[in-house]
Protein backbone atom coordinates (compact mmCIF):
# COMPACT_ATOMS: atom_id res chain seq x y z
CA UNK A 1 105.85 71.51 81.85
CA UNK A 2 103.92 70.14 84.98
CA UNK A 3 100.31 71.86 84.25
CA UNK A 4 99.69 71.03 88.42
CA UNK A 5 102.19 73.32 89.55
CA UNK A 6 100.34 75.20 92.24
CA UNK A 7 100.60 78.95 91.23
CA UNK A 8 98.96 82.11 92.54
CA UNK A 9 99.10 85.68 90.90
CA UNK A 10 97.91 88.96 90.84
CA UNK A 11 97.63 91.04 87.75
CA UNK A 12 96.40 94.84 87.56
CA UNK A 13 93.39 95.37 86.07
CA UNK A 14 91.89 98.24 87.41
CA UNK A 15 92.12 102.11 86.65
CA UNK A 16 94.12 102.44 89.92
CA UNK A 17 97.77 101.78 89.95
CA UNK A 18 99.42 99.94 92.82
CA UNK A 19 102.69 102.28 93.34
CA UNK A 20 105.91 102.15 95.04
CA UNK A 21 106.38 105.38 96.80
CA UNK A 22 109.11 104.61 99.29
CA UNK A 23 112.12 102.85 99.47
CA UNK A 24 114.77 101.50 102.01
CA UNK A 25 117.78 99.64 102.41
CA UNK A 26 120.49 98.58 104.78
CA UNK A 27 122.97 96.30 103.36
CA UNK A 28 127.14 95.58 103.54
CA UNK A 29 127.19 97.90 100.35
CA UNK A 30 125.57 100.66 101.60
CA UNK A 31 123.24 102.48 104.59
CA UNK A 32 120.61 103.37 102.04
CA UNK A 33 118.54 102.62 99.24
CA UNK A 34 120.71 105.31 96.96
CA UNK A 35 124.01 103.91 98.34
CA UNK A 36 123.47 100.48 97.91
CA UNK A 37 122.09 100.51 94.33
CA UNK A 38 125.23 102.84 93.32
CA UNK A 39 127.28 100.58 95.44
CA UNK A 40 125.57 97.14 93.40
CA UNK A 41 125.70 99.25 89.96
CA UNK A 42 130.08 100.00 90.48
CA UNK A 43 130.15 95.85 91.53
CA UNK A 44 131.49 97.42 94.61
CA UNK A 45 131.92 93.86 96.88
CA UNK A 46 131.00 94.15 100.88
CA UNK A 47 132.15 90.42 101.37
CA UNK A 48 135.08 89.76 103.40
CA UNK A 49 136.67 87.33 105.47
CA UNK A 50 135.24 87.29 108.84
CA UNK A 51 137.74 86.15 111.27
CA UNK A 52 135.37 85.48 114.43
CA UNK A 53 133.85 82.60 112.29
CA UNK A 54 135.76 79.98 110.48
CA UNK A 55 135.35 76.30 108.70
CA UNK A 56 136.28 73.17 109.69
CA UNK A 57 139.98 73.74 108.31
CA UNK A 58 140.12 76.27 110.53
CA UNK A 59 140.03 79.26 107.49
CA UNK A 60 138.00 82.22 108.01
CA UNK A 61 134.77 82.29 106.39
CA UNK A 62 133.79 85.29 103.76
CA UNK A 63 130.72 86.89 105.16
CA UNK A 64 128.87 90.43 103.84
CA UNK A 65 128.48 91.70 107.16
CA UNK A 66 126.89 95.11 108.19
CA UNK A 67 129.26 97.86 108.91
CA UNK A 68 127.76 99.38 111.02
CA UNK A 69 126.42 97.24 113.30
CA UNK A 70 128.24 96.17 116.42
CA UNK A 71 130.46 92.62 115.35
CA UNK A 72 129.12 91.38 118.89
CA UNK A 73 125.42 92.05 118.44
CA UNK A 74 123.14 89.06 118.70
CA UNK A 75 121.16 88.27 115.20
CA UNK A 76 118.00 89.44 116.84
CA UNK A 77 119.12 92.64 117.61
CA UNK A 78 121.09 93.04 114.18
CA UNK A 79 117.80 92.37 112.48
CA UNK A 80 115.84 94.78 114.77
CA UNK A 81 118.35 97.33 113.71
CA UNK A 82 118.56 96.77 110.04
CA UNK A 83 114.79 96.77 109.82
CA UNK A 84 114.42 100.10 111.48
CA UNK A 85 116.90 102.11 109.65
CA UNK A 86 115.53 100.50 106.33
CA UNK A 87 111.65 101.29 107.29
CA UNK A 88 112.33 104.65 108.35
CA UNK A 89 114.30 105.23 105.12
CA UNK A 90 111.25 104.00 102.86
CA UNK A 91 108.24 105.71 104.55
CA UNK A 92 110.26 109.50 103.83
CA UNK A 93 107.77 112.05 103.10
CA UNK A 94 104.96 109.57 103.73
CA UNK A 95 105.25 110.13 107.25
CA UNK A 96 104.32 113.34 107.32
CA UNK A 97 100.76 112.57 105.38
CA UNK A 98 98.34 110.87 107.33
CA UNK A 99 96.66 109.50 104.37
CA UNK A 100 100.03 107.92 102.98
CA UNK A 101 101.05 106.34 106.26
CA UNK A 102 101.16 102.62 106.64
CA UNK A 103 98.06 100.99 108.17
CA UNK A 104 99.58 97.57 107.81
CA UNK A 105 102.88 95.92 107.72
CA UNK A 106 104.04 92.67 106.05
CA UNK A 107 107.02 91.58 107.43
CA UNK A 108 109.41 88.77 105.53
CA UNK A 109 111.29 86.64 107.30
CA UNK A 110 113.77 84.03 106.77
CA UNK A 111 112.72 80.07 106.76
CA UNK A 112 113.72 78.34 110.07
CA UNK A 113 116.78 77.14 110.37
CA UNK A 114 119.63 76.62 112.66
CA UNK A 115 121.02 79.17 114.81
CA UNK A 116 117.66 81.29 114.45
CA UNK A 117 115.74 82.02 117.41
CA UNK A 118 112.35 80.38 117.00
CA UNK A 119 110.55 83.45 118.36
CA UNK A 120 112.26 85.75 116.06
CA UNK A 121 108.96 86.48 113.97
CA UNK A 122 106.94 87.34 117.16
CA UNK A 123 109.82 89.59 118.26
CA UNK A 124 110.93 91.39 115.07
CA UNK A 125 106.38 92.15 114.58
CA UNK A 126 106.33 93.48 117.98
CA UNK A 127 109.31 95.61 117.62
CA UNK A 128 107.43 96.98 114.31
CA UNK A 129 104.34 97.46 115.85
CA UNK A 130 105.35 99.55 118.59
CA UNK A 131 107.90 101.66 115.75
CA UNK A 132 105.47 102.28 113.70
CA UNK A 133 102.57 102.63 116.09
CA UNK A 134 100.58 100.38 114.37
CA UNK A 135 97.74 97.32 116.73
CA UNK A 136 99.79 94.16 116.47
CA UNK A 137 97.19 92.56 114.34
CA UNK A 138 97.96 94.75 111.51
CA UNK A 139 101.78 93.38 111.43
CA UNK A 140 101.94 90.27 109.76
CA UNK A 141 104.71 88.20 109.04
CA UNK A 142 105.98 85.68 106.04
CA UNK A 143 108.53 83.38 107.03
CA UNK A 144 109.08 82.05 103.51
CA UNK A 145 112.77 82.95 103.21
CA UNK A 146 114.41 84.32 99.63
CA UNK A 147 110.57 84.15 98.13
CA UNK A 148 109.22 86.00 101.14
CA UNK A 149 109.71 89.47 100.36
CA UNK A 150 107.57 89.31 96.64
CA UNK A 151 105.24 87.30 98.23
CA UNK A 152 104.90 89.96 100.65
CA UNK A 153 104.22 92.67 97.91
CA UNK A 154 101.44 90.28 96.07
CA UNK A 155 99.87 90.07 99.16
CA UNK A 156 100.07 93.85 99.56
CA UNK A 157 98.79 94.26 95.91
CA UNK A 158 95.85 92.30 96.83
CA UNK A 159 94.76 94.06 99.59
CA UNK A 160 95.38 97.66 97.94
CA UNK A 161 93.56 96.62 94.68
CA UNK A 162 90.38 95.62 96.91
CA UNK A 163 90.82 98.56 98.94
CA UNK A 164 90.85 96.82 102.73
CA UNK A 165 93.72 99.11 103.25
CA UNK A 166 95.27 102.88 102.00
CA UNK A 167 99.10 102.28 102.19
CA UNK A 168 101.48 98.96 103.20
CA UNK A 169 105.17 98.87 104.27
CA UNK A 170 106.12 95.71 103.34
CA UNK A 171 109.96 95.02 105.15
CA UNK A 172 112.13 91.91 104.56
CA UNK A 173 115.31 91.21 106.74
CA UNK A 174 117.47 88.67 106.78
CA UNK A 175 120.92 87.89 108.44
CA UNK A 176 123.37 84.49 108.74
CA UNK A 177 125.54 85.81 110.93
CA UNK A 178 125.43 82.98 113.58
CA UNK A 179 127.89 80.61 114.49
CA UNK A 180 125.16 77.40 114.52
CA UNK A 181 123.66 78.92 111.01
CA UNK A 182 127.09 79.04 109.61
CA UNK A 183 128.04 74.92 110.75
CA UNK A 184 124.85 74.06 109.28
CA UNK A 185 125.19 75.49 105.90
CA UNK A 186 128.86 74.16 106.07
CA UNK A 187 127.80 70.62 106.89
CA UNK A 188 125.31 70.65 104.35
CA UNK A 189 128.31 71.98 101.50
CA UNK A 190 126.07 74.95 101.13
CA UNK A 191 128.48 77.61 102.86
CA UNK A 192 131.36 78.90 100.17
CA UNK A 193 134.67 77.94 102.22
CA UNK A 194 138.00 76.75 101.67
CA UNK A 195 136.95 73.14 100.78
CA UNK A 196 132.99 73.93 99.12
CA UNK A 197 133.31 75.77 95.97
CA UNK A 198 129.72 75.94 95.22
CA UNK A 199 128.26 77.08 98.09
CA UNK A 200 126.90 80.74 98.81
CA UNK A 201 128.62 83.70 100.52
CA UNK A 202 126.14 84.57 103.56
CA UNK A 203 125.25 87.86 104.39
CA UNK A 204 122.66 90.36 106.30
CA UNK A 205 120.56 93.15 105.09
CA UNK A 206 117.31 94.84 105.03
CA UNK A 207 114.78 96.04 102.62
CA UNK A 208 111.44 98.03 102.73
CA UNK A 209 109.19 99.18 100.22
CA UNK A 210 105.98 101.52 100.70
CA UNK A 211 103.21 100.96 98.72
CA UNK A 212 99.72 102.57 97.77
CA UNK A 213 97.58 103.31 95.11
CA UNK A 214 98.32 105.94 92.29
CA UNK A 215 95.05 107.97 93.41
CA UNK A 216 96.57 108.03 97.50
CA UNK A 217 100.23 108.81 96.12
CA UNK A 218 98.62 111.99 93.88
CA UNK A 219 96.86 113.34 97.01
CA UNK A 220 99.95 113.26 98.73
CA UNK A 221 101.89 114.52 96.06
CA UNK A 222 104.23 111.56 96.77
CA UNK A 223 107.00 110.53 93.73
CA UNK A 224 106.28 107.13 92.41
CA UNK A 225 109.26 105.12 91.77
CA UNK A 226 107.75 102.12 90.22
CA UNK A 227 104.09 100.35 89.51
CA UNK A 228 103.41 96.83 89.92
CA UNK A 229 102.33 95.11 86.83
CA UNK A 230 101.90 91.50 88.00
CA UNK A 231 103.31 89.42 90.98
CA UNK A 232 102.94 85.09 91.06
CA UNK A 233 104.36 82.49 93.51
CA UNK A 234 104.54 78.74 92.49
CA UNK A 235 105.69 75.84 94.38
CA UNK A 236 108.34 74.08 92.54
CA UNK A 237 107.37 70.14 93.05
CA UNK A 238 110.91 68.88 93.42
CA UNK A 239 112.90 71.60 95.57
CA UNK A 240 116.17 71.16 97.09
CA UNK A 241 116.69 67.82 98.64
CA UNK A 242 114.06 66.56 96.56
CA UNK A 243 114.29 62.97 95.55
CA UNK A 244 113.88 63.95 92.02
CA UNK A 245 115.76 66.70 89.89
CA UNK A 246 114.09 70.35 89.55
CA UNK A 247 113.89 71.01 85.81
CA UNK A 248 112.44 74.56 86.96
CA UNK A 249 108.79 74.16 86.82
CA UNK A 250 107.90 76.08 89.55
CA UNK A 251 110.14 79.15 88.73
CA UNK A 252 108.80 78.97 84.88
CA UNK A 253 105.14 79.27 86.07
CA UNK A 254 105.86 82.06 88.40
CA UNK A 255 107.88 84.09 85.40
CA UNK A 256 104.87 83.15 83.14
CA UNK A 257 102.16 84.25 84.87
CA UNK A 258 104.04 87.85 85.76
CA UNK A 259 104.70 88.23 82.34
CA UNK A 260 101.05 86.94 80.88
CA UNK A 261 99.51 90.34 80.78
CA UNK A 262 102.61 92.39 78.96
CA UNK A 263 102.14 93.53 75.29
CA UNK A 264 105.10 91.62 73.68
CA UNK A 265 107.18 93.06 72.00
CA UNK A 266 106.61 96.53 73.07
CA UNK A 267 106.48 95.71 76.87
CA UNK A 268 109.75 93.10 76.81
CA UNK A 269 111.10 92.89 80.10
CA UNK A 270 114.63 94.84 79.88
CA UNK A 271 116.52 93.89 82.87
CA UNK A 272 116.14 91.19 85.61
CA UNK A 273 117.31 90.98 89.28
CA UNK A 274 117.37 87.48 90.80
CA UNK A 275 118.95 85.96 93.67
CA UNK A 276 121.25 83.59 91.90
CA UNK A 277 123.93 83.25 94.66
CA UNK A 278 126.80 80.51 93.21
CA UNK A 279 124.69 77.72 94.13
CA UNK A 280 124.51 75.36 91.05
CA UNK A 281 120.94 74.00 92.03
CA UNK A 282 119.92 77.63 91.31
CA UNK A 283 121.57 77.79 88.19
CA UNK A 284 120.63 75.03 86.47
CA UNK A 285 116.88 75.64 87.44
CA UNK A 286 116.85 79.07 86.21
CA UNK A 287 118.31 77.72 83.22
CA UNK A 288 115.48 75.84 82.41
CA UNK A 289 113.01 78.12 83.23
CA UNK A 290 114.75 81.10 80.91
CA UNK A 291 114.53 78.27 78.10
CA UNK A 292 110.67 78.37 78.52
CA UNK A 293 110.15 81.96 79.35
CA UNK A 294 112.83 83.64 76.79
CA UNK A 295 110.20 85.49 74.40
CA UNK A 296 109.16 87.71 77.52
CA UNK A 297 112.83 89.22 77.58
CA UNK A 298 114.67 91.58 75.34
CA UNK A 299 117.52 89.50 76.58
CA UNK A 300 116.64 86.56 79.07
CA UNK A 301 120.46 86.47 79.65
CA UNK A 302 120.60 90.12 80.70
CA UNK A 303 120.18 89.49 84.73
CA UNK A 304 121.94 91.26 87.68
CA UNK A 305 122.31 88.63 90.80
CA UNK A 306 123.80 91.04 93.75
CA UNK A 307 124.89 88.56 96.05
CA UNK A 308 128.25 89.40 94.56
CA UNK A 309 128.26 92.38 96.34
CA UNK A 310 126.11 92.16 99.13
CA UNK A 311 126.08 88.17 99.77
CA UNK A 312 123.06 86.06 99.53
CA UNK A 313 120.54 88.26 101.72
CA UNK A 314 117.78 85.74 102.11
CA UNK A 315 114.43 86.99 102.63
CA UNK A 316 115.82 90.89 102.01
CA UNK A 317 116.17 89.99 98.59
CA UNK A 318 112.87 90.95 97.22
CA UNK A 319 112.24 94.59 98.62
CA UNK A 320 116.14 95.40 97.77
CA UNK A 321 115.80 94.21 94.24
CA UNK A 322 112.77 96.96 93.98
CA UNK A 323 115.29 99.43 95.08
CA UNK A 324 117.89 98.38 92.39
CA UNK A 325 115.55 98.77 89.83
CA UNK A 326 113.95 102.02 90.94
CA UNK A 327 117.91 103.51 90.71
CA UNK A 328 117.85 102.10 87.05
CA UNK A 329 115.18 105.03 85.99
CA UNK A 330 116.12 107.44 88.76
CA UNK A 331 120.31 107.68 87.33
CA UNK A 332 118.93 107.42 83.53
CA UNK A 333 120.71 104.14 82.86
CA UNK A 334 117.61 101.89 82.51
CA UNK A 335 117.20 99.97 79.48
CA UNK A 336 113.73 99.83 79.11
CA UNK A 337 110.06 100.52 81.04
CA UNK A 338 109.86 96.96 82.58
CA UNK A 339 111.85 94.79 84.79
CA UNK A 340 111.67 91.43 86.29
CA UNK A 341 112.18 90.44 89.68
CA UNK A 342 112.38 86.56 90.82
CA UNK A 343 113.23 84.80 94.07
CA UNK A 344 113.30 81.04 95.01
CA UNK A 345 112.93 79.79 98.85
CA UNK A 346 114.59 76.59 99.98
CA UNK A 347 111.44 75.08 100.94
CA UNK A 348 110.21 75.42 97.30
CA UNK A 349 108.30 78.74 96.85
CA UNK A 350 108.97 80.67 93.86
CA UNK A 351 108.09 84.28 93.36
CA UNK A 352 108.23 86.53 90.22
CA UNK A 353 107.43 90.98 90.25
CA UNK A 354 107.11 92.59 86.58
CA UNK A 355 107.54 96.35 87.57
CA UNK A 356 106.81 99.51 85.56
CA UNK A 357 109.46 101.90 86.29
CA UNK A 358 108.79 105.54 86.73
């Protein structure tokens, strides 16, 4: 294992837990967090052939599209609409109590790519500031793709633990619904289509998580869905398109840091949610990390990769996985008290978060 892998972590150590008190989701299989979680639990798929987009063989591309938004809406409008819906759901009861209303928002966005407007970050941040009634400098963006949502939660947990803020709304949104984006993926043989079997099915979604300290949640009489035990980010030294093979060093470091404070075996991870999407390099990376960190898990092979249901949802992944994990306890099918969430970005960021359910 490469000891020089750059890693940063936040671990709960004080008397006041960092709690998840609000959840929101907008996906191809549900217009809310409960609906999306139930669909994933039941194996419902929102993937279908998208007649508007075709591959180079003239065959329709598979896509997991939001069923509510106008099919002709541009990508910026789609992302803004999904964000508003997820954010409003996550605020829920907290919107009625000023002590629990967010005084800061962190917005996880896709990495720069073909077909994505260069100004998308500033546009969505300004929209969120207006919608939430926050000053523009209270809305921060993290354009780190898949890992961005969990990275945003790491930043939020640190701010809350220090007492810098009272409540933070973490949002993640992504959409691949653009002809330029899909063509770029096809050229690089990453788009699942008639002539690429090892690609992924693109999707679009938004997820939202409202975080606050336990003392604030109890004063506002808010339901605590889960608590953050630890969250870590590492940088993979050999990411996608690197000249040397990836052997999971970054993902191993992130998972190891996020599970380092667990009292094993009493606090073993019962279930994992991750962004495996059918691409071979992700599966191989996970295999290496799994072998090195399996002692922290009841069964390291017991994981859920919901891309089968709602497609690859990129930067929305982290907040959506929190909603899925919380649903296991709310609906009574949790197999333990702790869940692991992990994600990996194309540029090399790997993020992992340990949740205590309930």
